[in-house]
Structures are given as C-alpha cells and as structure tokens.
All heavy atoms as atom14 arrays in JSON, in Angstrom:
{
  "sequence": "ARLRPLLAEVTGRPVTFGWAPRHPHAIGQYHIHGPQVGSFVHL",
  "atom14_mask": [
    [1, 1, 1, 1, 1, 0, 0, 0, 0, 0, 0, 0, 0, 0],
    [1, 1, 1, 1, 1, 1, 1, 1, 1, 1, 1, 0, 0, 0],
    [1, 1, 1, 1, 1, 1, 1, 1, 0, 0, 0, 0, 0, 0],
    [1, 1, 1, 1, 1, 1, 1, 1, 1, 1, 1, 0, 0, 0],
    [1, 1, 1, 1, 1, 1, 1, 0, 0, 0, 0, 0, 0, 0],
    [1, 1, 1, 1, 1, 1, 1, 1, 0, 0, 0, 0, 0, 0],
    [1, 1, 1, 1, 1, 1, 1, 1, 0, 0, 0, 0, 0, 0],
    [1, 1, 1, 1, 1, 0, 0, 0, 0, 0, 0, 0, 0, 0],
    [1, 1, 1, 1, 1, 1, 1, 1, 1, 0, 0, 0, 0, 0],
    [1, 1, 1, 1, 1, 1, 1, 0, 0, 0, 0, 0, 0, 0],
    [1, 1, 1, 1, 1, 1, 1, 0, 0, 0, 0, 0, 0, 0],
    [1, 1, 1, 1, 0, 0, 0, 0, 0, 0, 0, 0, 0, 0],
    [1, 1, 1, 1, 1, 1, 1, 1, 1, 1, 1, 0, 0, 0],
    [1, 1, 1, 1, 1, 1, 1, 0, 0, 0, 0, 0, 0, 0],
    [1, 1, 1, 1, 1, 1, 1, 0, 0, 0, 0, 0, 0, 0],
    [1, 1, 1, 1, 1, 1, 1, 0, 0, 0, 0, 0, 0, 0],
    [1, 1, 1, 1, 1, 1, 1, 1, 1, 1, 1, 0, 0, 0],
    [1, 1, 1, 1, 0, 0, 0, 0, 0, 0, 0, 0, 0, 0],
    [1, 1, 1, 1, 1, 1, 1, 1, 1, 1, 1, 1, 1, 1],
    [1, 1, 1, 1, 1, 0, 0, 0, 0, 0, 0, 0, 0, 0],
    [1, 1, 1, 1, 1, 1, 1, 0, 0, 0, 0, 0, 0, 0],
    [1, 1, 1, 1, 1, 1, 1, 1, 1, 1, 1, 0, 0, 0],
    [1, 1, 1, 1, 1, 1, 1, 1, 1, 1, 0, 0, 0, 0],
    [1, 1, 1, 1, 1, 1, 1, 0, 0, 0, 0, 0, 0, 0],
    [1, 1, 1, 1, 1, 1, 1, 1, 1, 1, 0, 0, 0, 0],
    [1, 1, 1, 1, 1, 0, 0, 0, 0, 0, 0, 0, 0, 0],
    [1, 1, 1, 1, 1, 1, 1, 1, 0, 0, 0, 0, 0, 0],
    [1, 1, 1, 1, 0, 0, 0, 0, 0, 0, 0, 0, 0, 0],
    [1, 1, 1, 1, 1, 1, 1, 1, 1, 0, 0, 0, 0, 0],
    [1, 1, 1, 1, 1, 1, 1, 1, 1, 1, 1, 1, 0, 0],
    [1, 1, 1, 1, 1, 1, 1, 1, 1, 1, 0, 0, 0, 0],
    [1, 1, 1, 1, 1, 1, 1, 1, 0, 0, 0, 0, 0, 0],
    [1, 1, 1, 1, 1, 1, 1, 1, 1, 1, 0, 0, 0, 0],
    [1, 1, 1, 1, 0, 0, 0, 0, 0, 0, 0, 0, 0, 0],
    [1, 1, 1, 1, 1, 1, 1, 0, 0, 0, 0, 0, 0, 0],
    [1, 1, 1, 1, 1, 1, 1, 1, 1, 0, 0, 0, 0, 0],
    [1, 1, 1, 1, 1, 1, 1, 0, 0, 0, 0, 0, 0, 0],
    [1, 1, 1, 1, 0, 0, 0, 0, 0, 0, 0, 0, 0, 0],
    [1, 1, 1, 1, 1, 1, 0, 0, 0, 0, 0, 0, 0, 0],
    [1, 1, 1, 1, 1, 1, 1, 1, 1, 1, 1, 0, 0, 0],
    [1, 1, 1, 1, 1, 1, 1, 0, 0, 0, 0, 0, 0, 0],
    [1, 1, 1, 1, 1, 1, 1, 1, 1, 1, 0, 0, 0, 0],
    [1, 1, 1, 1, 1, 1, 1, 1, 0, 0, 0, 0, 0, 0]
  ],
  "atom14_positions": [
    [[92.75, 57.12, 154.6], [92.7, 55.96, 153.72], [94.02, 55.19, 153.7], [94.05, 54.01, 153.32], [92.32, 56.39, 152.31], [0.0, 0.0, 0.0], [0.0, 0.0, 0.0], [0.0, 0.0, 0.0], [0.0, 0.0, 0.0], [0.0, 0.0, 0.0], [0.0, 0.0, 0.0], [0.0, 0.0, 0.0], [0.0, 0.0, 0.0], [0.0, 0.0, 0.0]],
    [[95.1, 55.84, 154.1], [96.4, 55.15, 154.14], [96.44, 54.07, 155.22], [97.34, 53.21, 155.21], [97.51, 56.16, 154.38], [97.7, 57.16, 153.24], [98.63, 58.3, 153.65], [99.89, 57.81, 154.21], [100.72, 58.55, 154.93], [100.42, 59.82, 155.21], [101.84, 58.03, 155.42], [0.0, 0.0, 0.0], [0.0, 0.0, 0.0], [0.0, 0.0, 0.0]],
    [[95.47, 54.08, 156.11], [95.44, 53.07, 157.18], [95.16, 51.67, 156.64], [95.63, 50.69, 157.22], [94.38, 53.44, 158.22], [94.7, 54.64, 159.11], [93.45, 55.11, 159.84], [95.81, 54.27, 160.11], [0.0, 0.0, 0.0], [0.0, 0.0, 0.0], [0.0, 0.0, 0.0], [0.0, 0.0, 0.0], [0.0, 0.0, 0.0], [0.0, 0.0, 0.0]],
    [[94.38, 51.56, 155.56], [93.99, 50.22, 155.1], [95.2, 49.36, 154.74], [95.36, 48.25, 155.29], [93.02, 50.31, 153.93], [92.28, 48.97, 153.67], [92.01, 48.71, 152.2], [93.24, 48.5, 151.47], [93.92, 47.37, 151.44], [93.5, 46.31, 152.13], [95.04, 47.26, 150.75], [0.0, 0.0, 0.0], [0.0, 0.0, 0.0], [0.0, 0.0, 0.0]],
    [[96.07, 49.8, 153.81], [97.2, 48.92, 153.49], [98.17, 48.74, 154.66], [98.75, 47.65, 154.81], [97.88, 49.63, 152.3], [97.4, 51.05, 152.35], [96.03, 50.98, 152.93], [0.0, 0.0, 0.0], [0.0, 0.0, 0.0], [0.0, 0.0, 0.0], [0.0, 0.0, 0.0], [0.0, 0.0, 0.0], [0.0, 0.0, 0.0], [0.0, 0.0, 0.0]],
    [[98.33, 49.76, 155.5], [99.2, 49.61, 156.66], [98.69, 48.53, 157.6], [99.44, 47.66, 158.05], [99.32, 50.94, 157.41], [100.24, 52.02, 156.83], [100.14, 53.28, 157.67], [101.69, 51.52, 156.78], [0.0, 0.0, 0.0], [0.0, 0.0, 0.0], [0.0, 0.0, 0.0], [0.0, 0.0, 0.0], [0.0, 0.0, 0.0], [0.0, 0.0, 0.0]],
    [[97.4, 48.57, 157.89], [96.83, 47.58, 158.81], [96.76, 46.2, 158.17], [96.87, 45.19, 158.86], [95.44, 48.05, 159.26], [95.46, 49.17, 160.3], [94.08, 49.81, 160.44], [95.93, 48.64, 161.65], [0.0, 0.0, 0.0], [0.0, 0.0, 0.0], [0.0, 0.0, 0.0], [0.0, 0.0, 0.0], [0.0, 0.0, 0.0], [0.0, 0.0, 0.0]],
    [[96.58, 46.14, 156.86], [96.6, 44.83, 156.18], [97.98, 44.21, 156.3], [98.13, 42.99, 156.46], [96.2, 45.0, 154.72], [0.0, 0.0, 0.0], [0.0, 0.0, 0.0], [0.0, 0.0, 0.0], [0.0, 0.0, 0.0], [0.0, 0.0, 0.0], [0.0, 0.0, 0.0], [0.0, 0.0, 0.0], [0.0, 0.0, 0.0], [0.0, 0.0, 0.0]],
    [[99.02, 45.04, 156.23], [100.38, 44.54, 156.39], [100.62, 44.07, 157.81], [101.25, 43.02, 158.05], [101.37, 45.63, 156.0], [102.82, 45.18, 155.99], [103.76, 46.28, 155.55], [103.3, 47.28, 154.97], [104.98, 46.13, 155.81], [0.0, 0.0, 0.0], [0.0, 0.0, 0.0], [0.0, 0.0, 0.0], [0.0, 0.0, 0.0], [0.0, 0.0, 0.0]],
    [[100.1, 44.82, 158.78], [100.3, 44.46, 160.18], [99.56, 43.18, 160.54], [100.11, 42.3, 161.22], [99.82, 45.62, 161.1], [99.77, 45.17, 162.55], [100.75, 46.82, 160.96], [0.0, 0.0, 0.0], [0.0, 0.0, 0.0], [0.0, 0.0, 0.0], [0.0, 0.0, 0.0], [0.0, 0.0, 0.0], [0.0, 0.0, 0.0], [0.0, 0.0, 0.0]],
    [[98.31, 43.06, 160.09], [97.47, 41.94, 160.5], [97.66, 40.69, 159.65], [97.43, 39.57, 160.13], [95.99, 42.32, 160.44], [95.62, 42.61, 159.08], [95.69, 43.53, 161.31], [0.0, 0.0, 0.0], [0.0, 0.0, 0.0], [0.0, 0.0, 0.0], [0.0, 0.0, 0.0], [0.0, 0.0, 0.0], [0.0, 0.0, 0.0], [0.0, 0.0, 0.0]],
    [[98.04, 40.88, 158.38], [98.08, 39.75, 157.47], [96.71, 39.24, 157.12], [96.55, 38.13, 156.58], [0.0, 0.0, 0.0], [0.0, 0.0, 0.0], [0.0, 0.0, 0.0], [0.0, 0.0, 0.0], [0.0, 0.0, 0.0], [0.0, 0.0, 0.0], [0.0, 0.0, 0.0], [0.0, 0.0, 0.0], [0.0, 0.0, 0.0], [0.0, 0.0, 0.0]],
    [[95.68, 40.03, 157.4], [94.3, 39.64, 157.16], [93.62, 40.68, 156.25], [94.12, 41.8, 156.08], [93.52, 39.57, 158.5], [94.02, 38.53, 159.48], [93.87, 37.13, 158.92], [92.5, 36.88, 158.48], [92.18, 36.04, 157.49], [93.11, 35.42, 156.81], [90.91, 35.87, 157.17], [0.0, 0.0, 0.0], [0.0, 0.0, 0.0], [0.0, 0.0, 0.0]],
    [[92.48, 40.33, 155.67], [91.75, 41.3, 154.86], [91.33, 42.51, 155.71], [90.81, 42.36, 156.82], [90.53, 40.52, 154.37], [90.95, 39.09, 154.41], [91.86, 38.98, 155.6], [0.0, 0.0, 0.0], [0.0, 0.0, 0.0], [0.0, 0.0, 0.0], [0.0, 0.0, 0.0], [0.0, 0.0, 0.0], [0.0, 0.0, 0.0], [0.0, 0.0, 0.0]],
    [[91.57, 43.7, 155.19], [91.21, 44.95, 155.86], [90.42, 45.8, 154.88], [90.87, 46.07, 153.76], [92.45, 45.73, 156.35], [92.03, 47.06, 156.99], [93.24, 44.9, 157.35], [0.0, 0.0, 0.0], [0.0, 0.0, 0.0], [0.0, 0.0, 0.0], [0.0, 0.0, 0.0], [0.0, 0.0, 0.0], [0.0, 0.0, 0.0], [0.0, 0.0, 0.0]],
    [[89.24, 46.22, 155.3], [88.43, 47.12, 154.48], [88.55, 48.53, 155.05], [88.82, 48.73, 156.23], [86.95, 46.71, 154.46], [86.39, 46.88, 155.77], [86.79, 45.26, 154.03], [0.0, 0.0, 0.0], [0.0, 0.0, 0.0], [0.0, 0.0, 0.0], [0.0, 0.0, 0.0], [0.0, 0.0, 0.0], [0.0, 0.0, 0.0], [0.0, 0.0, 0.0]],
    [[88.34, 49.51, 154.18], [88.32, 50.9, 154.61], [87.21, 51.61, 153.86], [86.98, 51.37, 152.67], [89.64, 51.62, 154.32], [89.58, 53.09, 154.62], [89.84, 53.55, 155.9], [89.21, 54.01, 153.65], [89.74, 54.9, 156.2], [89.11, 55.36, 153.94], [89.38, 55.81, 155.22], [0.0, 0.0, 0.0], [0.0, 0.0, 0.0], [0.0, 0.0, 0.0]],
    [[86.54, 52.53, 154.57], [85.53, 53.33, 153.88], [85.14, 54.55, 154.68], [85.33, 54.62, 155.91], [0.0, 0.0, 0.0], [0.0, 0.0, 0.0], [0.0, 0.0, 0.0], [0.0, 0.0, 0.0], [0.0, 0.0, 0.0], [0.0, 0.0, 0.0], [0.0, 0.0, 0.0], [0.0, 0.0, 0.0], [0.0, 0.0, 0.0], [0.0, 0.0, 0.0]],
    [[84.61, 55.55, 153.95], [84.11, 56.78, 154.56], [82.65, 56.61, 154.93], [81.88, 56.01, 154.17], [84.27, 57.94, 153.58], [85.67, 58.12, 153.1], [86.2, 57.67, 151.91], [86.75, 58.75, 153.8], [87.53, 58.0, 151.83], [87.9, 58.66, 152.96], [86.86, 59.39, 155.03], [89.13, 59.17, 153.33], [88.09, 59.91, 155.39], [89.21, 59.8, 154.56]],
    [[82.28, 57.13, 156.07], [80.89, 57.02, 156.53], [80.16, 58.34, 156.24], [80.75, 59.41, 156.28], [80.86, 56.71, 158.02], [0.0, 0.0, 0.0], [0.0, 0.0, 0.0], [0.0, 0.0, 0.0], [0.0, 0.0, 0.0], [0.0, 0.0, 0.0], [0.0, 0.0, 0.0], [0.0, 0.0, 0.0], [0.0, 0.0, 0.0], [0.0, 0.0, 0.0]],
    [[78.83, 58.22, 155.96], [78.02, 57.01, 155.99], [78.04, 56.18, 154.72], [77.31, 55.19, 154.63], [76.62, 57.57, 156.25], [76.61, 58.89, 155.58], [78.0, 59.45, 155.75], [0.0, 0.0, 0.0], [0.0, 0.0, 0.0], [0.0, 0.0, 0.0], [0.0, 0.0, 0.0], [0.0, 0.0, 0.0], [0.0, 0.0, 0.0], [0.0, 0.0, 0.0]],
    [[78.85, 56.55, 153.71], [78.89, 55.78, 152.47], [79.2, 54.31, 152.74], [78.48, 53.41, 152.27], [79.93, 56.35, 151.51], [80.28, 55.43, 150.37], [81.42, 55.95, 149.52], [80.98, 57.08, 148.73], [81.49, 57.37, 147.54], [82.43, 56.61, 147.02], [81.05, 58.42, 146.88], [0.0, 0.0, 0.0], [0.0, 0.0, 0.0], [0.0, 0.0, 0.0]],
    [[80.29, 54.05, 153.44], [80.75, 52.68, 153.64], [79.75, 51.84, 154.44], [79.44, 50.71, 154.04], [82.11, 52.69, 154.31], [82.78, 51.35, 154.35], [83.26, 50.73, 153.22], [83.06, 50.51, 155.39], [83.8, 49.56, 153.56], [83.69, 49.41, 154.86], [0.0, 0.0, 0.0], [0.0, 0.0, 0.0], [0.0, 0.0, 0.0], [0.0, 0.0, 0.0]],
    [[79.22, 52.35, 155.55], [78.2, 51.55, 156.25], [76.97, 51.28, 155.39], [76.38, 50.2, 155.46], [77.85, 52.42, 157.46], [79.08, 53.22, 157.71], [79.62, 53.53, 156.35], [0.0, 0.0, 0.0], [0.0, 0.0, 0.0], [0.0, 0.0, 0.0], [0.0, 0.0, 0.0], [0.0, 0.0, 0.0], [0.0, 0.0, 0.0], [0.0, 0.0, 0.0]],
    [[76.55, 52.25, 154.57], [75.43, 52.0, 153.67], [75.76, 50.85, 152.71], [74.91, 50.01, 152.41], [75.11, 53.25, 152.85], [74.16, 54.19, 153.53], [72.83, 53.9, 153.72], [74.35, 55.43, 154.06], [72.24, 54.91, 154.34], [73.14, 55.85, 154.56], [0.0, 0.0, 0.0], [0.0, 0.0, 0.0], [0.0, 0.0, 0.0], [0.0, 0.0, 0.0]],
    [[77.0, 50.83, 152.21], [77.38, 49.85, 151.22], [77.7, 48.48, 151.82], [77.31, 47.45, 151.27], [78.58, 50.36, 150.42], [0.0, 0.0, 0.0], [0.0, 0.0, 0.0], [0.0, 0.0, 0.0], [0.0, 0.0, 0.0], [0.0, 0.0, 0.0], [0.0, 0.0, 0.0], [0.0, 0.0, 0.0], [0.0, 0.0, 0.0], [0.0, 0.0, 0.0]],
    [[78.41, 48.46, 152.94], [78.97, 47.22, 153.48], [78.37, 46.82, 154.82], [78.56, 45.72, 155.3], [80.51, 47.36, 153.64], [81.14, 47.89, 152.36], [81.13, 46.02, 153.99], [80.96, 46.98, 151.17], [0.0, 0.0, 0.0], [0.0, 0.0, 0.0], [0.0, 0.0, 0.0], [0.0, 0.0, 0.0], [0.0, 0.0, 0.0], [0.0, 0.0, 0.0]],
    [[77.6, 47.73, 155.44], [77.11, 47.47, 156.79], [76.3, 46.2, 156.94], [76.31, 45.57, 157.99], [0.0, 0.0, 0.0], [0.0, 0.0, 0.0], [0.0, 0.0, 0.0], [0.0, 0.0, 0.0], [0.0, 0.0, 0.0], [0.0, 0.0, 0.0], [0.0, 0.0, 0.0], [0.0, 0.0, 0.0], [0.0, 0.0, 0.0], [0.0, 0.0, 0.0]],
    [[75.61, 45.8, 155.88], [74.84, 44.56, 155.96], [75.74, 43.37, 156.25], [75.38, 42.48, 157.02], [74.07, 44.33, 154.66], [73.23, 43.05, 154.68], [72.35, 42.9, 153.47], [71.88, 43.88, 152.91], [72.1, 41.67, 153.06], [0.0, 0.0, 0.0], [0.0, 0.0, 0.0], [0.0, 0.0, 0.0], [0.0, 0.0, 0.0], [0.0, 0.0, 0.0]],
    [[76.93, 43.36, 155.66], [77.86, 42.26, 155.92], [78.33, 42.3, 157.37], [78.45, 41.26, 158.02], [79.06, 42.34, 154.98], [79.96, 41.14, 155.1], [79.77, 40.03, 154.29], [80.97, 41.09, 156.06], [80.58, 38.91, 154.42], [81.79, 39.98, 156.2], [81.58, 38.89, 155.38], [82.37, 37.77, 155.53], [0.0, 0.0, 0.0], [0.0, 0.0, 0.0]],
    [[78.61, 43.5, 157.89], [79.1, 43.61, 159.26], [78.12, 42.99, 160.26], [78.54, 42.35, 161.23], [79.32, 45.08, 159.63], [80.42, 45.73, 158.85], [80.59, 47.1, 158.82], [81.41, 45.21, 158.07], [81.64, 47.39, 158.06], [82.14, 46.27, 157.6], [0.0, 0.0, 0.0], [0.0, 0.0, 0.0], [0.0, 0.0, 0.0], [0.0, 0.0, 0.0]],
    [[76.84, 43.21, 160.01], [75.82, 42.76, 160.97], [75.31, 41.36, 160.67], [75.13, 40.55, 161.58], [74.64, 43.76, 161.0], [75.11, 45.13, 161.49], [73.51, 43.25, 161.88], [75.65, 45.14, 162.89], [0.0, 0.0, 0.0], [0.0, 0.0, 0.0], [0.0, 0.0, 0.0], [0.0, 0.0, 0.0], [0.0, 0.0, 0.0], [0.0, 0.0, 0.0]],
    [[75.09, 41.05, 159.41], [74.42, 39.8, 159.06], [75.34, 38.75, 158.45], [74.92, 37.62, 158.22], [73.27, 40.08, 158.09], [72.19, 40.93, 158.7], [71.24, 40.42, 159.57], [71.92, 42.25, 158.59], [70.43, 41.39, 159.96], [70.82, 42.5, 159.39], [0.0, 0.0, 0.0], [0.0, 0.0, 0.0], [0.0, 0.0, 0.0], [0.0, 0.0, 0.0]],
    [[76.61, 39.11, 158.18], [77.55, 38.13, 157.65], [78.22, 37.34, 158.76], [77.81, 37.39, 159.94], [0.0, 0.0, 0.0], [0.0, 0.0, 0.0], [0.0, 0.0, 0.0], [0.0, 0.0, 0.0], [0.0, 0.0, 0.0], [0.0, 0.0, 0.0], [0.0, 0.0, 0.0], [0.0, 0.0, 0.0], [0.0, 0.0, 0.0], [0.0, 0.0, 0.0]],
    [[79.28, 36.6, 158.44], [80.02, 35.86, 159.47], [80.5, 36.81, 160.57], [81.07, 37.86, 160.28], [81.18, 35.25, 158.7], [80.7, 35.17, 157.28], [79.83, 36.36, 157.08], [0.0, 0.0, 0.0], [0.0, 0.0, 0.0], [0.0, 0.0, 0.0], [0.0, 0.0, 0.0], [0.0, 0.0, 0.0], [0.0, 0.0, 0.0], [0.0, 0.0, 0.0]],
    [[80.3, 36.43, 161.79], [80.64, 37.32, 162.9], [82.1, 37.12, 163.31], [82.42, 36.61, 164.39], [79.68, 37.07, 164.07], [78.25, 37.49, 163.77], [78.16, 38.97, 163.41], [78.37, 39.83, 164.25], [77.85, 39.27, 162.15], [0.0, 0.0, 0.0], [0.0, 0.0, 0.0], [0.0, 0.0, 0.0], [0.0, 0.0, 0.0], [0.0, 0.0, 0.0]],
    [[82.98, 37.55, 162.4], [84.42, 37.41, 162.62], [85.13, 38.75, 162.41], [86.35, 38.78, 162.3], [85.01, 36.34, 161.67], [84.48, 34.96, 162.03], [84.73, 36.68, 160.21], [0.0, 0.0, 0.0], [0.0, 0.0, 0.0], [0.0, 0.0, 0.0], [0.0, 0.0, 0.0], [0.0, 0.0, 0.0], [0.0, 0.0, 0.0], [0.0, 0.0, 0.0]],
    [[84.37, 39.84, 162.39], [84.95, 41.15, 162.13], [85.44, 41.85, 163.39], [84.88, 41.69, 164.48], [0.0, 0.0, 0.0], [0.0, 0.0, 0.0], [0.0, 0.0, 0.0], [0.0, 0.0, 0.0], [0.0, 0.0, 0.0], [0.0, 0.0, 0.0], [0.0, 0.0, 0.0], [0.0, 0.0, 0.0], [0.0, 0.0, 0.0], [0.0, 0.0, 0.0]],
    [[86.48, 42.64, 163.23], [86.95, 43.58, 164.24], [86.9, 44.97, 163.6], [87.06, 45.1, 162.38], [88.37, 43.25, 164.69], [88.44, 41.95, 165.25], [0.0, 0.0, 0.0], [0.0, 0.0, 0.0], [0.0, 0.0, 0.0], [0.0, 0.0, 0.0], [0.0, 0.0, 0.0], [0.0, 0.0, 0.0], [0.0, 0.0, 0.0], [0.0, 0.0, 0.0]],
    [[86.71, 46.01, 164.42], [86.39, 47.31, 163.85], [87.19, 48.43, 164.49], [87.44, 48.43, 165.69], [84.89, 47.59, 164.04], [84.01, 46.58, 163.34], [83.66, 45.39, 163.96], [83.56, 46.81, 162.05], [82.88, 44.44, 163.31], [82.78, 45.88, 161.4], [82.44, 44.69, 162.02], [0.0, 0.0, 0.0], [0.0, 0.0, 0.0], [0.0, 0.0, 0.0]],
    [[87.56, 49.4, 163.64], [88.12, 50.66, 164.09], [87.23, 51.76, 163.55], [87.03, 51.86, 162.33], [89.56, 50.88, 163.59], [90.05, 52.27, 163.98], [90.49, 49.8, 164.14], [0.0, 0.0, 0.0], [0.0, 0.0, 0.0], [0.0, 0.0, 0.0], [0.0, 0.0, 0.0], [0.0, 0.0, 0.0], [0.0, 0.0, 0.0], [0.0, 0.0, 0.0]],
    [[86.67, 52.57, 164.43], [85.85, 53.71, 164.03], [86.61, 54.99, 164.32], [87.08, 55.21, 165.44], [84.52, 53.71, 164.78], [83.49, 52.84, 164.15], [82.14, 52.96, 164.41], [83.59, 51.82, 163.25], [81.47, 52.06, 163.71], [82.34, 51.36, 163.01], [0.0, 0.0, 0.0], [0.0, 0.0, 0.0], [0.0, 0.0, 0.0], [0.0, 0.0, 0.0]],
    [[86.73, 55.83, 163.29], [87.4, 57.12, 163.43], [86.37, 58.24, 163.39], [85.55, 58.3, 162.47], [88.4, 57.33, 162.3], [89.51, 56.29, 162.13], [90.38, 56.65, 160.93], [90.35, 56.17, 163.39], [0.0, 0.0, 0.0], [0.0, 0.0, 0.0], [0.0, 0.0, 0.0], [0.0, 0.0, 0.0], [0.0, 0.0, 0.0], [0.0, 0.0, 0.0]]
  ]
}
C-alpha cells in the first residue's frame, strides 16, 4: 500500500491502490467503462 503515495509523487497524477479481488469488484467498472486514460500495475 505504500506504493500509492510514492507513485503519486513520481507521476504527479491521481494514483489508486487496492487489494484484489476487492478493488476490482469496487472500481473495475471504471477501469473498463470509464475514460480510457488509465495505466495499470498488477502485483
């Protein structure tokens, strides 16, 4: 979880973080059906 603020500092852009499958259940709809401007890191 420490990656979120670190990457937000590096990118200067909004960075989300979540544990799966919780996070994909909660936010996955945005990833697929929202604005297609996302980049992703899967651990």
